[in-house]
Amino acid sequence: MAGMQLLVSIGGSVQIASVVLALGAFIAMLRFKLGMLLVIFVSALLGIAYYLFFGGGLCKRQAEKVSLLFEETAALFFFVFFRPSTCQSACPHNPPK
């Protein structure tokens, strides 16, 4: 059987937090019927928070970049999921009647 390989993860290389996060996302989508964008957003925030608290510290410049990333992601999330209904006349999704 030349040419066949079985790829197996080394025991110490598996990150338990990542496995728990992946299982939580899987359960959230299948059991609780949450949307994919919401699950991805929450998973990303939890992953970033885990890295910041347990992974390694950030210098001031990196912390500013992460803060900006949080602000942009949160703004996009709220625009997508909580779009204001005040744009009745100019919104392309609601053509005038």
Foldseek 3Di string as FASTA:
>chain_A
DPPDDDDDDDPVVDDPVVVVLVVVLVCCCPVVVDDPVVSVLVSVVVVVVCCCPPVDHDDPVVVVVVVVVVVVSVVVVCCVPVPDPPCQDPDPVRDDD
